[in-house]
Amino acid sequence: MRRPLSAQIIVAQSLTHSMSDQDQLVPLIDGIKDNLGRKPKEASADAGYCSETNLAALAEREVGAYLATGRAKHPAQGRPKITGPLVQAMRYKLKRAGRRTRYRLRKQVVEPVFGQIKQARGFRQFLLRGIEKVKAEWALICTAHNLTKLARAA
């Protein structure tokens, strides 16, 4: 049985102390394949993940990409505007699709998970210290979220 888009099950997770999201997308996509035994058909992510490298990696893995390219007409001071042929093609793809784009489904599928973890489960900050302990704590939080979702669906 295929799960509806609204299932909000976490299929891959990671935690890092890196300030940039760009290096995190491809490992998560590969983690999905490792966890589910198949690659995702599509991936959507916010502008922090958008780069030529990530778009090329998703194309190489034959994963449909829906990565926000950023809405700012003028990038923040000190930050260059992301350009390149793949980013330009993504801008066009999202603009052409408009409100119908798959990227907009993030609001229904991905974002509520964080709200549920924070509000319903009361998670506001990590209790442990050290990256390895915090990674384990985050994995436990994600597992608890999934078990709750599965129990309610049963």
C-alpha atoms as a PDB file:
ATOM      1  CA  MET A   1       0.000   0.000   0.000  1.00  0.00           C
ATOM      2  CA  ARG A   2       1.336   3.402  -0.942  1.00  0.00           C
ATOM      3  CA  ARG A   3       1.441   6.028   1.782  1.00  0.00           C
ATOM      4  CA  PRO A   4      -0.250   9.319   0.999  1.00  0.00           C
ATOM      5  CA  LEU A   5       1.932  12.406   0.769  1.00  0.00           C
ATOM      6  CA  SER A   6       0.586  13.556   4.100  1.00  0.00           C
ATOM      7  CA  ALA A   7       2.020  10.564   6.020  1.00  0.00           C
ATOM      8  CA  GLN A   8       4.866  12.747   7.316  1.00  0.00           C
ATOM      9  CA  ILE A   9       7.156   9.816   8.074  1.00  0.00           C
ATOM     10  CA  ILE A  10      10.846  10.682   8.435  1.00  0.00           C
ATOM     11  CA  VAL A  11      12.737   8.417   6.008  1.00  0.00           C
ATOM     12  CA  ALA A  12      16.242   9.826   6.575  1.00  0.00           C
ATOM     13  CA  GLN A  13      17.747  12.182   9.111  1.00  0.00           C
ATOM     14  CA  SER A  14      21.091  13.619   9.994  1.00  0.00           C
ATOM     15  CA  LEU A  15      22.476  16.255  12.262  1.00  0.00           C
ATOM     16  CA  THR A  16      25.583  18.335  11.770  1.00  0.00           C
ATOM     17  CA  HIS A  17      27.208  21.399  13.235  1.00  0.00           C
ATOM     18  CA  SER A  18      27.945  22.746   9.752  1.00  0.00           C
ATOM     19  CA  MET A  19      26.565  26.226   9.110  1.00  0.00           C
ATOM     20  CA  SER A  20      25.741  25.398   5.483  1.00  0.00           C
ATOM     21  CA  ASP A  21      22.973  23.093   4.302  1.00  0.00           C
ATOM     22  CA  GLN A  22      24.451  22.659   0.833  1.00  0.00           C
ATOM     23  CA  ASP A  23      26.681  19.718   1.758  1.00  0.00           C
ATOM     24  CA  GLN A  24      23.841  17.872   3.505  1.00  0.00           C
ATOM     25  CA  LEU A  25      21.416  17.154   0.654  1.00  0.00           C
ATOM     26  CA  VAL A  26      23.213  14.389  -1.247  1.00  0.00           C
ATOM     27  CA  PRO A  27      24.023  12.332   1.889  1.00  0.00           C
ATOM     28  CA  LEU A  28      20.341  12.522   2.887  1.00  0.00           C
ATOM     29  CA  ILE A  29      19.217  11.389  -0.577  1.00  0.00           C
ATOM     30  CA  ASP A  30      21.680   8.496  -0.379  1.00  0.00           C
ATOM     31  CA  GLY A  31      20.430   7.771   3.157  1.00  0.00           C
ATOM     32  CA  ILE A  32      16.888   7.466   1.845  1.00  0.00           C
ATOM     33  CA  LYS A  33      18.072   4.843  -0.633  1.00  0.00           C
ATOM     34  CA  ASP A  34      19.936   2.993   2.128  1.00  0.00           C
ATOM     35  CA  ASN A  35      16.922   3.081   4.467  1.00  0.00           C
ATOM     36  CA  LEU A  36      14.183   2.252   1.956  1.00  0.00           C
ATOM     37  CA  GLY A  37      16.074   0.144  -0.550  1.00  0.00           C
ATOM     38  CA  ARG A  38      15.204   2.530  -3.386  1.00  0.00           C
ATOM     39  CA  LYS A  39      15.974   6.076  -4.315  1.00  0.00           C
ATOM     40  CA  PRO A  40      13.337   8.770  -4.022  1.00  0.00           C
ATOM     41  CA  LYS A  41      11.610   9.839  -7.222  1.00  0.00           C
ATOM     42  CA  GLU A  42      11.596  13.495  -6.205  1.00  0.00           C
ATOM     43  CA  ALA A  43      13.260  15.770  -3.701  1.00  0.00           C
ATOM     44  CA  SER A  44      12.245  19.235  -2.601  1.00  0.00           C
ATOM     45  CA  ALA A  45      14.339  21.507  -0.435  1.00  0.00           C
ATOM     46  CA  ASP A  46      14.650  25.140   0.479  1.00  0.00           C
ATOM     47  CA  ALA A  47      17.144  27.587  -0.977  1.00  0.00           C
ATOM     48  CA  GLY A  48      19.864  26.629   1.501  1.00  0.00           C
ATOM     49  CA  TYR A  49      20.319  23.354  -0.380  1.00  0.00           C
ATOM     50  CA  CYS A  50      20.315  24.838  -3.892  1.00  0.00           C
ATOM     51  CA  SER A  51      23.632  24.666  -5.729  1.00  0.00           C
ATOM     52  CA  GLU A  52      24.934  23.560  -9.096  1.00  0.00           C
ATOM     53  CA  THR A  53      26.643  20.634  -7.359  1.00  0.00           C
ATOM     54  CA  ASN A  54      23.438  19.424  -5.683  1.00  0.00           C
ATOM     55  CA  LEU A  55      21.335  19.839  -8.818  1.00  0.00           C
ATOM     56  CA  ALA A  56      23.929  17.891 -10.827  1.00  0.00           C
ATOM     57  CA  ALA A  57      24.057  15.145  -8.169  1.00  0.00           C
ATOM     58  CA  LEU A  58      20.265  14.802  -8.159  1.00  0.00           C
ATOM     59  CA  ALA A  59      20.203  14.646 -11.964  1.00  0.00           C
ATOM     60  CA  GLU A  60      22.939  12.001 -11.894  1.00  0.00           C
ATOM     61  CA  ARG A  61      20.851   9.948  -9.441  1.00  0.00           C
ATOM     62  CA  GLU A  62      17.733  10.506 -11.591  1.00  0.00           C
ATOM     63  CA  VAL A  63      15.898  12.204  -8.736  1.00  0.00           C
ATOM     64  CA  GLY A  64      13.464  14.940  -9.756  1.00  0.00           C
ATOM     65  CA  ALA A  65      14.622  18.150  -8.104  1.00  0.00           C
ATOM     66  CA  TYR A  66      12.470  20.943  -6.719  1.00  0.00           C
ATOM     67  CA  LEU A  67      14.952  23.203  -4.940  1.00  0.00           C
ATOM     68  CA  ALA A  68      14.063  26.780  -4.143  1.00  0.00           C
ATOM     69  CA  THR A  69      16.522  29.179  -5.715  1.00  0.00           C
ATOM     70  CA  GLY A  70      15.900  32.084  -3.350  1.00  0.00           C
ATOM     71  CA  ARG A  71      13.451  34.925  -3.686  1.00  0.00           C
ATOM     72  CA  ALA A  72      15.720  37.869  -2.968  1.00  0.00           C
ATOM     73  CA  LYS A  73      16.270  40.065  -5.993  1.00  0.00           C
ATOM     74  CA  HIS A  74      19.509  41.257  -4.374  1.00  0.00           C
ATOM     75  CA  PRO A  75      21.444  38.734  -2.273  1.00  0.00           C
ATOM     76  CA  ALA A  76      22.409  39.560   1.291  1.00  0.00           C
ATOM     77  CA  GLN A  77      25.592  41.553   1.626  1.00  0.00           C
ATOM     78  CA  GLY A  78      28.615  39.328   1.264  1.00  0.00           C
ATOM     79  CA  ARG A  79      26.652  36.445  -0.245  1.00  0.00           C
ATOM     80  CA  PRO A  80      26.927  35.964  -3.993  1.00  0.00           C
ATOM     81  CA  LYS A  81      23.758  35.210  -5.916  1.00  0.00           C
ATOM     82  CA  ILE A  82      23.587  31.552  -6.900  1.00  0.00           C
ATOM     83  CA  THR A  83      23.895  31.293 -10.658  1.00  0.00           C
ATOM     84  CA  GLY A  84      24.756  28.658 -13.205  1.00  0.00           C
ATOM     85  CA  PRO A  85      22.867  26.784 -15.894  1.00  0.00           C
ATOM     86  CA  LEU A  86      21.277  24.221 -13.569  1.00  0.00           C
ATOM     87  CA  VAL A  87      20.153  26.865 -11.076  1.00  0.00           C
ATOM     88  CA  GLN A  88      18.757  28.988 -13.911  1.00  0.00           C
ATOM     89  CA  ALA A  89      16.878  25.946 -15.240  1.00  0.00           C
ATOM     90  CA  MET A  90      15.487  25.297 -11.736  1.00  0.00           C
ATOM     91  CA  ARG A  91      14.343  28.929 -11.454  1.00  0.00           C
ATOM     92  CA  TYR A  92      12.540  28.565 -14.765  1.00  0.00           C
ATOM     93  CA  LYS A  93      11.024  25.197 -13.770  1.00  0.00           C
ATOM     94  CA  LEU A  94       9.629  26.577 -10.505  1.00  0.00           C
ATOM     95  CA  LYS A  95       8.438  29.804 -12.095  1.00  0.00           C
ATOM     96  CA  ARG A  96       6.719  27.947 -14.935  1.00  0.00           C
ATOM     97  CA  ALA A  97       4.943  25.594 -12.530  1.00  0.00           C
ATOM     98  CA  GLY A  98       3.886  28.477 -10.281  1.00  0.00           C
ATOM     99  CA  ARG A  99       1.502  27.480  -7.505  1.00  0.00           C
ATOM    100  CA  ARG A 100       1.227  23.936  -8.843  1.00  0.00           C
ATOM    101  CA  THR A 101       4.869  23.092  -8.220  1.00  0.00           C
ATOM    102  CA  ARG A 102       5.787  20.059  -6.134  1.00  0.00           C
ATOM    103  CA  TYR A 103       8.040  22.327  -4.095  1.00  0.00           C
ATOM    104  CA  ARG A 104       4.967  23.884  -2.501  1.00  0.00           C
ATOM    105  CA  LEU A 105       4.050  20.487  -1.005  1.00  0.00           C
ATOM    106  CA  ARG A 106       6.917  20.958   1.471  1.00  0.00           C
ATOM    107  CA  LYS A 107       4.522  23.115   3.477  1.00  0.00           C
ATOM    108  CA  GLN A 108       2.188  20.129   3.841  1.00  0.00           C
ATOM    109  CA  VAL A 109       4.682  17.299   4.205  1.00  0.00           C
ATOM    110  CA  VAL A 110       7.973  18.489   5.687  1.00  0.00           C
ATOM    111  CA  GLU A 111       7.305  21.602   7.732  1.00  0.00           C
ATOM    112  CA  PRO A 112       4.486  20.144   9.907  1.00  0.00           C
ATOM    113  CA  VAL A 113       6.876  17.443  11.141  1.00  0.00           C
ATOM    114  CA  PHE A 114       9.086  20.050  12.795  1.00  0.00           C
ATOM    115  CA  GLY A 115       6.043  21.736  14.304  1.00  0.00           C
ATOM    116  CA  GLN A 116       4.775  18.426  15.681  1.00  0.00           C
ATOM    117  CA  ILE A 117       8.163  17.586  17.164  1.00  0.00           C
ATOM    118  CA  LYS A 118       8.365  20.982  18.827  1.00  0.00           C
ATOM    119  CA  GLN A 119       4.753  21.495  19.877  1.00  0.00           C
ATOM    120  CA  ALA A 120       3.213  18.057  20.425  1.00  0.00           C
ATOM    121  CA  ARG A 121       6.360  16.334  21.679  1.00  0.00           C
ATOM    122  CA  GLY A 122       7.658  19.363  23.583  1.00  0.00           C
ATOM    123  CA  PHE A 123      11.129  19.274  22.049  1.00  0.00           C
ATOM    124  CA  ARG A 124      12.803  22.669  22.337  1.00  0.00           C
ATOM    125  CA  GLN A 125      16.471  21.914  22.903  1.00  0.00           C
ATOM    126  CA  PHE A 126      18.844  19.000  23.119  1.00  0.00           C
ATOM    127  CA  LEU A 127      19.420  17.577  26.575  1.00  0.00           C
ATOM    128  CA  LEU A 128      22.777  15.984  25.806  1.00  0.00           C
ATOM    129  CA  ARG A 129      26.087  17.585  24.845  1.00  0.00           C
ATOM    130  CA  GLY A 130      28.607  16.543  22.215  1.00  0.00           C
ATOM    131  CA  ILE A 131      27.884  15.933  18.555  1.00  0.00           C
ATOM    132  CA  GLU A 132      27.653  12.133  18.787  1.00  0.00           C
ATOM    133  CA  LYS A 133      25.259  12.233  21.743  1.00  0.00           C
ATOM    134  CA  VAL A 134      23.139  14.907  20.079  1.00  0.00           C
ATOM    135  CA  LYS A 135      23.014  12.847  16.858  1.00  0.00           C
ATOM    136  CA  ALA A 136      21.737   9.888  18.877  1.00  0.00           C
ATOM    137  CA  GLU A 137      19.183  12.085  20.649  1.00  0.00           C
ATOM    138  CA  TRP A 138      17.922  13.449  17.308  1.00  0.00           C
ATOM    139  CA  ALA A 139      17.652   9.916  15.881  1.00  0.00           C
ATOM    140  CA  LEU A 140      15.590   8.926  18.929  1.00  0.00           C
ATOM    141  CA  ILE A 141      13.308  11.955  18.505  1.00  0.00           C
ATOM    142  CA  CYS A 142      12.757  11.078  14.833  1.00  0.00           C
ATOM    143  CA  THR A 143      12.062   7.443  15.717  1.00  0.00           C
ATOM    144  CA  ALA A 144       9.532   8.487  18.369  1.00  0.00           C
ATOM    145  CA  HIS A 145       7.832  10.745  15.829  1.00  0.00           C
ATOM    146  CA  ASN A 146       7.588   7.893  13.310  1.00  0.00           C
ATOM    147  CA  LEU A 147       6.296   5.406  15.877  1.00  0.00           C
ATOM    148  CA  THR A 148       3.608   7.865  16.951  1.00  0.00           C
ATOM    149  CA  LYS A 149       2.544   8.393  13.333  1.00  0.00           C
ATOM    150  CA  LEU A 150       2.462   4.653  12.634  1.00  0.00           C
ATOM    151  CA  ALA A 151       0.525   3.877  15.825  1.00  0.00           C
ATOM    152  CA  ARG A 152      -2.103   6.469  14.957  1.00  0.00           C
ATOM    153  CA  ALA A 153      -2.381   5.138  11.408  1.00  0.00           C
ATOM    154  CA  ALA A 154      -2.960   1.555  12.604  1.00  0.00           C
END
